[in-house]
Amino acid sequence: YKGLLFLTAGVIMYRCGTRNLNRLGGLGHNMKWTMVFFMIGALAIAGIPPFNGFASKLLIYESTFLFNPLLAVIAMVVSILTLASFVKVFHSMFMGPKLPEYQDVREAPKPMLIAMGILAILVVLFGIFPQQVVDILVAPAASALVDYHGYISAVLGGA
């Protein structure tokens, strides 16, 4: 989701020539796909289901709760504040009337839309099928790390 958010920010800067939220507004009228992709990324980073951020934040909440329930509550409050900040950014960029300086702004070029679309699909799929992501990507990486750690320990221990 972070990559998706960076791409949407890049599209806004590319098409509008600014990243100043105080100067942006009403872009949702002409940049509907960029707006949708930003919304997917924003909901994912805030940990809203069915996006991948929810699955990862749920794991964080569960593990933190076992360690210290207060930290889990703080983590949830931080997620709520993250959502609030992205609602503000969304509103500043995409909502409201068309501003005169962005009256003729166009949607992102097709290659940019395709890249954002691929990431948006992955954000949703990883959120719907988190166990498969763990089994296919995370477990082998963790296993390789454990094997590497054992190898290093054996080499250093034998020296």
N, C-alpha and C. Protein backbone atom coordinates (compact mmCIF):
# COMPACT_ATOMS: atom_id res chain seq x y z
N TYR A 1 0.81 -1.20 0.00
CA TYR A 1 0.00 0.00 0.00
C TYR A 1 0.85 1.26 0.00
N LYS A 2 2.02 1.20 0.57
CA LYS A 2 2.86 2.41 0.57
C LYS A 2 3.32 2.75 -0.84
N GLY A 3 3.68 1.73 -1.60
CA GLY A 3 4.06 1.96 -2.98
C GLY A 3 2.91 2.56 -3.77
N LEU A 4 1.71 2.07 -3.53
CA LEU A 4 0.52 2.61 -4.20
C LEU A 4 0.31 4.07 -3.83
N LEU A 5 0.47 4.39 -2.56
CA LEU A 5 0.31 5.78 -2.12
C LEU A 5 1.38 6.68 -2.72
N PHE A 6 2.61 6.19 -2.80
CA PHE A 6 3.67 6.98 -3.43
C PHE A 6 3.39 7.21 -4.91
N LEU A 7 2.87 6.18 -5.59
CA LEU A 7 2.54 6.36 -7.01
C LEU A 7 1.42 7.38 -7.20
N THR A 8 0.40 7.34 -6.35
CA THR A 8 -0.68 8.32 -6.49
C THR A 8 -0.16 9.73 -6.21
N ALA A 9 0.72 9.86 -5.23
CA ALA A 9 1.31 11.18 -4.95
C ALA A 9 2.14 11.65 -6.15
N GLY A 10 2.86 10.72 -6.76
CA GLY A 10 3.65 11.06 -7.94
C GLY A 10 2.79 11.52 -9.10
N VAL A 11 1.65 10.87 -9.28
CA VAL A 11 0.72 11.26 -10.35
C VAL A 11 0.20 12.67 -10.10
N ILE A 12 -0.15 12.96 -8.86
CA ILE A 12 -0.66 14.30 -8.52
C ILE A 12 0.42 15.35 -8.81
N MET A 13 1.65 15.07 -8.38
CA MET A 13 2.74 16.02 -8.63
C MET A 13 2.99 16.16 -10.14
N TYR A 14 2.93 15.05 -10.86
CA TYR A 14 3.18 15.05 -12.30
C TYR A 14 2.13 15.87 -13.04
N ARG A 15 0.87 15.69 -12.67
CA ARG A 15 -0.21 16.36 -13.39
C ARG A 15 -0.46 17.80 -12.91
N CYS A 16 -0.21 18.05 -11.62
CA CYS A 16 -0.55 19.37 -11.06
C CYS A 16 0.66 20.25 -10.82
N GLY A 17 1.84 19.67 -10.76
CA GLY A 17 3.04 20.45 -10.56
C GLY A 17 3.25 20.92 -9.13
N THR A 18 2.49 20.38 -8.19
CA THR A 18 2.66 20.76 -6.78
C THR A 18 2.30 19.58 -5.89
N ARG A 19 2.84 19.62 -4.70
CA ARG A 19 2.46 18.65 -3.67
C ARG A 19 1.87 19.36 -2.45
N ASN A 20 1.65 20.64 -2.59
CA ASN A 20 1.09 21.46 -1.52
C ASN A 20 -0.41 21.21 -1.42
N LEU A 21 -0.83 20.54 -0.36
CA LEU A 21 -2.25 20.20 -0.18
C LEU A 21 -3.13 21.43 -0.10
N ASN A 22 -2.59 22.52 0.38
CA ASN A 22 -3.38 23.75 0.48
C ASN A 22 -3.72 24.34 -0.88
N ARG A 23 -2.99 23.94 -1.92
CA ARG A 23 -3.24 24.46 -3.26
C ARG A 23 -4.03 23.49 -4.12
N LEU A 24 -4.25 22.27 -3.63
CA LEU A 24 -4.96 21.25 -4.40
C LEU A 24 -6.42 21.20 -3.99
N GLY A 25 -7.22 20.57 -4.83
CA GLY A 25 -8.62 20.36 -4.51
C GLY A 25 -9.43 20.08 -5.76
N GLY A 26 -10.47 19.30 -5.61
CA GLY A 26 -11.37 19.01 -6.71
C GLY A 26 -10.82 18.11 -7.79
N LEU A 27 -9.69 17.45 -7.54
CA LEU A 27 -9.07 16.62 -8.57
C LEU A 27 -9.87 15.36 -8.87
N GLY A 28 -10.73 14.97 -7.95
CA GLY A 28 -11.54 13.77 -8.16
C GLY A 28 -12.47 13.88 -9.36
N HIS A 29 -12.78 15.08 -9.79
CA HIS A 29 -13.65 15.25 -10.96
C HIS A 29 -12.98 14.75 -12.23
N ASN A 30 -11.68 14.97 -12.35
CA ASN A 30 -10.96 14.60 -13.57
C ASN A 30 -10.03 13.41 -13.39
N MET A 31 -9.75 13.02 -12.16
CA MET A 31 -8.78 11.95 -11.90
C MET A 31 -9.46 10.85 -11.06
N LYS A 32 -10.50 10.28 -11.61
CA LYS A 32 -11.30 9.31 -10.86
C LYS A 32 -10.51 8.06 -10.48
N TRP A 33 -9.72 7.53 -11.42
CA TRP A 33 -8.96 6.30 -11.11
C TRP A 33 -7.88 6.58 -10.07
N THR A 34 -7.20 7.69 -10.21
CA THR A 34 -6.18 8.05 -9.22
C THR A 34 -6.82 8.20 -7.84
N MET A 35 -8.01 8.79 -7.80
CA MET A 35 -8.73 8.95 -6.55
C MET A 35 -9.07 7.59 -5.93
N VAL A 36 -9.54 6.66 -6.74
CA VAL A 36 -9.89 5.32 -6.25
C VAL A 36 -8.65 4.61 -5.73
N PHE A 37 -7.55 4.69 -6.47
CA PHE A 37 -6.31 4.03 -6.04
C PHE A 37 -5.77 4.64 -4.76
N PHE A 38 -5.86 5.96 -4.64
CA PHE A 38 -5.44 6.61 -3.39
C PHE A 38 -6.31 6.12 -2.23
N MET A 39 -7.61 6.01 -2.46
CA MET A 39 -8.52 5.57 -1.42
C MET A 39 -8.18 4.14 -0.96
N ILE A 40 -7.87 3.27 -1.89
CA ILE A 40 -7.49 1.90 -1.54
C ILE A 40 -6.22 1.91 -0.69
N GLY A 41 -5.22 2.67 -1.11
CA GLY A 41 -3.98 2.76 -0.33
C GLY A 41 -4.20 3.36 1.04
N ALA A 42 -5.03 4.39 1.12
CA ALA A 42 -5.30 5.04 2.41
C ALA A 42 -6.04 4.11 3.36
N LEU A 43 -7.02 3.39 2.85
CA LEU A 43 -7.75 2.44 3.71
C LEU A 43 -6.85 1.30 4.15
N ALA A 44 -5.94 0.89 3.27
CA ALA A 44 -5.01 -0.19 3.63
C ALA A 44 -4.03 0.27 4.71
N ILE A 45 -3.47 1.46 4.58
CA ILE A 45 -2.49 1.92 5.56
C ILE A 45 -3.14 2.14 6.93
N ALA A 46 -4.45 2.42 6.92
CA ALA A 46 -5.17 2.62 8.19
C ALA A 46 -5.60 1.29 8.80
N GLY A 47 -5.44 0.18 8.06
CA GLY A 47 -5.78 -1.13 8.60
C GLY A 47 -7.24 -1.50 8.49
N ILE A 48 -7.91 -1.02 7.46
CA ILE A 48 -9.33 -1.31 7.25
C ILE A 48 -9.45 -2.59 6.41
N PRO A 49 -10.33 -3.53 6.81
CA PRO A 49 -10.52 -4.73 5.97
C PRO A 49 -11.25 -4.37 4.68
N PRO A 50 -11.05 -5.05 3.61
CA PRO A 50 -10.32 -6.29 3.37
C PRO A 50 -8.93 -6.05 2.80
N PHE A 51 -8.28 -4.99 3.15
CA PHE A 51 -6.99 -4.64 2.55
C PHE A 51 -5.83 -5.22 3.35
N ASN A 52 -4.65 -5.31 2.72
CA ASN A 52 -3.52 -5.98 3.35
C ASN A 52 -3.06 -5.33 4.65
N GLY A 53 -3.28 -4.06 4.81
CA GLY A 53 -2.90 -3.39 6.05
C GLY A 53 -3.67 -3.94 7.24
N PHE A 54 -4.90 -4.37 7.03
CA PHE A 54 -5.70 -4.95 8.11
C PHE A 54 -5.06 -6.23 8.61
N ALA A 55 -4.66 -7.10 7.71
CA ALA A 55 -4.07 -8.38 8.10
C ALA A 55 -2.78 -8.16 8.90
N SER A 56 -1.93 -7.26 8.43
CA SER A 56 -0.67 -7.03 9.15
C SER A 56 -0.91 -6.33 10.48
N LYS A 57 -1.83 -5.38 10.52
CA LYS A 57 -2.10 -4.69 11.79
C LYS A 57 -2.77 -5.62 12.79
N LEU A 58 -3.60 -6.54 12.31
CA LEU A 58 -4.22 -7.50 13.21
C LEU A 58 -3.16 -8.36 13.89
N LEU A 59 -2.16 -8.78 13.14
CA LEU A 59 -1.06 -9.55 13.73
C LEU A 59 -0.31 -8.72 14.77
N ILE A 60 -0.11 -7.44 14.47
CA ILE A 60 0.57 -6.55 15.42
C ILE A 60 -0.27 -6.38 16.67
N TYR A 61 -1.58 -6.15 16.50
CA TYR A 61 -2.46 -5.98 17.66
C TYR A 61 -2.45 -7.23 18.55
N GLU A 62 -2.56 -8.41 17.91
CA GLU A 62 -2.60 -9.65 18.69
C GLU A 62 -1.30 -9.88 19.46
N SER A 63 -0.17 -9.72 18.79
CA SER A 63 1.10 -9.96 19.47
C SER A 63 1.37 -8.91 20.54
N THR A 64 1.00 -7.67 20.27
CA THR A 64 1.19 -6.61 21.25
C THR A 64 0.28 -6.81 22.45
N PHE A 65 -0.94 -7.25 22.21
CA PHE A 65 -1.88 -7.49 23.30
C PHE A 65 -1.36 -8.55 24.25
N LEU A 66 -0.74 -9.59 23.72
CA LEU A 66 -0.17 -10.64 24.57
C LEU A 66 0.96 -10.09 25.44
N PHE A 67 1.71 -9.15 24.90
CA PHE A 67 2.82 -8.56 25.63
C PHE A 67 2.33 -7.51 26.63
N ASN A 68 1.48 -6.58 26.13
CA ASN A 68 0.97 -5.51 26.98
C ASN A 68 -0.31 -4.95 26.35
N PRO A 69 -1.47 -5.22 26.96
CA PRO A 69 -2.74 -4.76 26.38
C PRO A 69 -2.80 -3.25 26.14
N LEU A 70 -2.15 -2.47 26.98
CA LEU A 70 -2.17 -1.02 26.79
C LEU A 70 -1.49 -0.62 25.48
N LEU A 71 -0.39 -1.30 25.15
CA LEU A 71 0.28 -1.02 23.88
C LEU A 71 -0.62 -1.36 22.69
N ALA A 72 -1.42 -2.41 22.82
CA ALA A 72 -2.35 -2.77 21.75
C ALA A 72 -3.39 -1.68 21.56
N VAL A 73 -3.89 -1.13 22.65
CA VAL A 73 -4.86 -0.03 22.57
C VAL A 73 -4.21 1.18 21.91
N ILE A 74 -2.98 1.49 22.29
CA ILE A 74 -2.26 2.62 21.68
C ILE A 74 -2.08 2.39 20.18
N ALA A 75 -1.75 1.16 19.80
CA ALA A 75 -1.59 0.85 18.37
C ALA A 75 -2.90 1.06 17.62
N MET A 76 -4.01 0.70 18.22
CA MET A 76 -5.31 0.90 17.57
C MET A 76 -5.65 2.38 17.45
N VAL A 77 -5.33 3.15 18.47
CA VAL A 77 -5.57 4.60 18.41
C VAL A 77 -4.71 5.22 17.30
N VAL A 78 -3.49 4.76 17.18
CA VAL A 78 -2.62 5.27 16.11
C VAL A 78 -3.23 4.95 14.74
N SER A 79 -3.82 3.77 14.59
CA SER A 79 -4.47 3.43 13.32
C SER A 79 -5.65 4.35 13.04
N ILE A 80 -6.40 4.69 14.06
CA ILE A 80 -7.53 5.61 13.90
C ILE A 80 -7.03 6.99 13.49
N LEU A 81 -5.96 7.45 14.11
CA LEU A 81 -5.38 8.74 13.75
C LEU A 81 -4.81 8.73 12.33
N THR A 82 -4.25 7.60 11.94
CA THR A 82 -3.75 7.46 10.56
C THR A 82 -4.90 7.59 9.58
N LEU A 83 -6.02 6.93 9.87
CA LEU A 83 -7.18 7.05 9.01
C LEU A 83 -7.66 8.49 8.93
N ALA A 84 -7.71 9.16 10.07
CA ALA A 84 -8.15 10.56 10.09
C ALA A 84 -7.24 11.44 9.24
N SER A 85 -5.94 11.23 9.32
CA SER A 85 -5.03 12.06 8.54
C SER A 85 -5.19 11.80 7.05
N PHE A 86 -5.43 10.55 6.65
CA PHE A 86 -5.61 10.26 5.24
C PHE A 86 -6.96 10.73 4.72
N VAL A 87 -7.98 10.77 5.58
CA VAL A 87 -9.25 11.36 5.19
C VAL A 87 -9.04 12.84 4.88
N LYS A 88 -8.24 13.51 5.69
CA LYS A 88 -7.93 14.93 5.47
C LYS A 88 -7.19 15.12 4.14
N VAL A 89 -6.20 14.28 3.89
CA VAL A 89 -5.44 14.38 2.64
C VAL A 89 -6.37 14.11 1.44
N PHE A 90 -7.19 13.07 1.56
CA PHE A 90 -8.14 12.73 0.50
C PHE A 90 -9.05 13.92 0.20
N HIS A 91 -9.59 14.48 1.24
CA HIS A 91 -10.50 15.61 1.07
C HIS A 91 -9.78 16.80 0.43
N SER A 92 -8.58 17.08 0.88
CA SER A 92 -7.82 18.22 0.35
C SER A 92 -7.50 18.07 -1.12
N MET A 93 -7.19 16.85 -1.56
CA MET A 93 -6.79 16.64 -2.95
C MET A 93 -7.96 16.43 -3.90
N PHE A 94 -8.91 15.62 -3.50
CA PHE A 94 -9.87 15.12 -4.47
C PHE A 94 -11.28 15.71 -4.35
N MET A 95 -11.65 16.20 -3.21
CA MET A 95 -13.03 16.66 -3.01
C MET A 95 -13.16 18.16 -3.29
N GLY A 96 -14.38 18.61 -3.29
CA GLY A 96 -14.66 20.03 -3.51
C GLY A 96 -14.84 20.35 -4.97
N PRO A 97 -15.09 21.61 -5.24
CA PRO A 97 -15.29 22.03 -6.64
C PRO A 97 -13.96 22.03 -7.39
N LYS A 98 -14.06 21.96 -8.71
CA LYS A 98 -12.86 22.06 -9.53
C LYS A 98 -12.24 23.44 -9.33
N LEU A 99 -10.96 23.45 -9.06
CA LEU A 99 -10.26 24.72 -8.93
C LEU A 99 -9.87 25.21 -10.33
N PRO A 100 -9.91 26.51 -10.54
CA PRO A 100 -9.62 27.04 -11.89
C PRO A 100 -8.27 26.60 -12.44
N GLU A 101 -7.24 26.55 -11.58
CA GLU A 101 -5.91 26.18 -12.08
C GLU A 101 -5.80 24.70 -12.45
N TYR A 102 -6.74 23.89 -12.01
CA TYR A 102 -6.72 22.45 -12.33
C TYR A 102 -7.95 22.05 -13.15
N GLN A 103 -8.57 23.00 -13.77
CA GLN A 103 -9.78 22.76 -14.57
C GLN A 103 -9.52 21.74 -15.67
N ASP A 104 -8.34 21.82 -16.28
CA ASP A 104 -8.03 20.95 -17.42
C ASP A 104 -7.09 19.81 -17.07
N VAL A 105 -6.87 19.55 -15.77
CA VAL A 105 -5.98 18.45 -15.38
C VAL A 105 -6.57 17.14 -15.89
N ARG A 106 -5.69 16.26 -16.33
CA ARG A 106 -6.12 14.98 -16.90
C ARG A 106 -5.73 13.84 -15.98
N GLU A 107 -6.35 12.70 -16.22
CA GLU A 107 -6.04 11.47 -15.49
C GLU A 107 -4.59 11.08 -15.80
N ALA A 108 -4.05 10.23 -14.96
CA ALA A 108 -2.68 9.75 -15.15
C ALA A 108 -2.55 9.03 -16.49
N PRO A 109 -1.34 9.02 -17.05
CA PRO A 109 -1.11 8.24 -18.27
C PRO A 109 -1.36 6.75 -18.01
N LYS A 110 -1.70 6.03 -19.06
CA LYS A 110 -2.05 4.61 -18.94
C LYS A 110 -0.99 3.77 -18.21
N PRO A 111 0.31 3.92 -18.52
CA PRO A 111 1.29 3.11 -17.78
C PRO A 111 1.24 3.35 -16.27
N MET A 112 1.01 4.58 -15.87
CA MET A 112 0.90 4.88 -14.44
C MET A 112 -0.37 4.26 -13.85
N LEU A 113 -1.46 4.33 -14.59
CA LEU A 113 -2.70 3.72 -14.12
C LEU A 113 -2.56 2.20 -13.99
N ILE A 114 -1.87 1.59 -14.96
CA ILE A 114 -1.67 0.13 -14.91
C ILE A 114 -0.85 -0.24 -13.68
N ALA A 115 0.22 0.50 -13.42
CA ALA A 115 1.06 0.22 -12.25
C ALA A 115 0.26 0.37 -10.96
N MET A 116 -0.52 1.44 -10.86
CA MET A 116 -1.34 1.63 -9.65
C MET A 116 -2.41 0.54 -9.55
N GLY A 117 -2.97 0.14 -10.69
CA GLY A 117 -3.98 -0.90 -10.69
C GLY A 117 -3.43 -2.24 -10.22
N ILE A 118 -2.23 -2.58 -10.67
CA ILE A 118 -1.60 -3.83 -10.23
C ILE A 118 -1.38 -3.81 -8.72
N LEU A 119 -0.85 -2.71 -8.21
CA LEU A 119 -0.63 -2.61 -6.77
C LEU A 119 -1.94 -2.64 -5.99
N ALA A 120 -2.97 -2.00 -6.51
CA ALA A 120 -4.28 -2.01 -5.83
C ALA A 120 -4.84 -3.42 -5.78
N ILE A 121 -4.70 -4.18 -6.85
CA ILE A 121 -5.17 -5.57 -6.86
C ILE A 121 -4.39 -6.38 -5.83
N LEU A 122 -3.09 -6.19 -5.76
CA LEU A 122 -2.27 -6.92 -4.77
C LEU A 122 -2.67 -6.55 -3.35
N VAL A 123 -2.94 -5.27 -3.11
CA VAL A 123 -3.36 -4.82 -1.79
C VAL A 123 -4.64 -5.56 -1.36
N VAL A 124 -5.57 -5.69 -2.28
CA VAL A 124 -6.82 -6.38 -1.96
C VAL A 124 -6.60 -7.89 -1.82
N LEU A 125 -5.88 -8.49 -2.76
CA LEU A 125 -5.64 -9.94 -2.69
C LEU A 125 -4.86 -10.34 -1.44
N PHE A 126 -3.83 -9.57 -1.11
CA PHE A 126 -3.06 -9.87 0.10
C PHE A 126 -3.90 -9.70 1.35
N GLY A 127 -4.89 -8.83 1.30
CA GLY A 127 -5.78 -8.65 2.44
C GLY A 127 -6.80 -9.77 2.56
N ILE A 128 -7.26 -10.28 1.43
CA ILE A 128 -8.25 -11.36 1.45
C ILE A 128 -7.61 -12.71 1.74
N PHE A 129 -6.39 -12.90 1.26
CA PHE A 129 -5.69 -14.18 1.42
C PHE A 129 -4.37 -14.00 2.16
N PRO A 130 -4.39 -13.51 3.39
CA PRO A 130 -3.11 -13.25 4.09
C PRO A 130 -2.33 -14.52 4.40
N GLN A 131 -3.01 -15.62 4.66
CA GLN A 131 -2.30 -16.85 5.02
C GLN A 131 -1.46 -17.36 3.85
N GLN A 132 -1.99 -17.22 2.64
CA GLN A 132 -1.23 -17.64 1.47
C GLN A 132 0.03 -16.79 1.30
N VAL A 133 -0.08 -15.51 1.61
CA VAL A 133 1.09 -14.63 1.53
C VAL A 133 2.14 -15.07 2.54
N VAL A 134 1.69 -15.39 3.74
CA VAL A 134 2.62 -15.86 4.77
C VAL A 134 3.27 -17.16 4.33
N ASP A 135 2.46 -18.09 3.81
CA ASP A 135 2.99 -19.40 3.41
C ASP A 135 3.96 -19.30 2.23
N ILE A 136 3.64 -18.44 1.27
CA ILE A 136 4.44 -18.37 0.04
C ILE A 136 5.64 -17.43 0.17
N LEU A 137 5.49 -16.32 0.89
CA LEU A 137 6.56 -15.32 0.95
C LEU A 137 7.27 -15.25 2.29
N VAL A 138 6.51 -15.18 3.37
CA VAL A 138 7.11 -14.92 4.67
C VAL A 138 7.79 -16.16 5.25
N ALA A 139 7.12 -17.29 5.23
CA ALA A 139 7.68 -18.50 5.83
C ALA A 139 9.02 -18.90 5.19
N PRO A 140 9.13 -18.94 3.85
CA PRO A 140 10.44 -19.26 3.27
C PRO A 140 11.53 -18.25 3.64
N ALA A 141 11.17 -16.97 3.70
CA ALA A 141 12.17 -15.96 4.08
C ALA A 141 12.61 -16.15 5.52
N ALA A 142 11.66 -16.44 6.43
CA ALA A 142 12.01 -16.68 7.83
C ALA A 142 12.85 -17.94 7.97
N SER A 143 12.52 -18.96 7.22
CA SER A 143 13.29 -20.21 7.26
C SER A 143 14.71 -19.98 6.76
N ALA A 144 14.85 -19.21 5.69
CA ALA A 144 16.18 -18.90 5.17
C ALA A 144 16.99 -18.11 6.18
N LEU A 145 16.34 -17.22 6.90
CA LEU A 145 17.02 -16.42 7.91
C LEU A 145 17.49 -17.31 9.06
N VAL A 146 16.65 -18.23 9.48
CA VAL A 146 17.04 -19.16 10.55
C VAL A 146 18.19 -20.03 10.10
N ASP A 147 18.12 -20.55 8.86
CA ASP A 147 19.22 -21.37 8.33
C ASP A 147 20.51 -20.57 8.26
N TYR A 148 20.42 -19.32 7.81
CA TYR A 148 21.59 -18.46 7.69
C TYR A 148 22.17 -18.19 9.08
N HIS A 149 21.29 -17.91 10.05
CA HIS A 149 21.76 -17.65 11.42
C HIS A 149 22.47 -18.88 11.97
N GLY A 150 21.91 -20.07 11.72
CA GLY A 150 22.56 -21.30 12.17
C GLY A 150 23.91 -21.50 11.51
N TYR A 151 24.01 -21.20 10.23
CA TYR A 151 25.25 -21.33 9.50
C TYR A 151 26.30 -20.37 10.07
N ILE A 152 25.93 -19.13 10.29
CA ILE A 152 26.85 -18.13 10.81
C ILE A 152 27.30 -18.54 12.22
N SER A 153 26.37 -19.01 13.02
CA SER A 153 26.73 -19.46 14.38
C SER A 153 27.71 -20.60 14.35
N ALA A 154 27.51 -21.53 13.43
CA ALA A 154 28.41 -22.67 13.30
C ALA A 154 29.79 -22.23 12.84
N VAL A 155 29.84 -21.29 11.89
CA VAL A 155 31.12 -20.79 11.39
C VAL A 155 31.86 -20.02 12.47
N LEU A 156 31.15 -19.13 13.16
CA LEU A 156 31.79 -18.34 14.20
C LEU A 156 32.12 -19.16 15.42
N GLY A 157 31.25 -20.11 15.72
CA GLY A 157 31.49 -20.96 16.88
C GLY A 157 32.66 -21.91 16.68
N GLY A 158 32.86 -22.29 15.42
CA GLY A 158 33.94 -23.22 15.12
C GLY A 158 35.28 -22.53 14.90
N ALA A 159 35.28 -21.19 14.87
CA ALA A 159 36.53 -20.46 14.58
C ALA A 159 37.43 -20.37 15.75
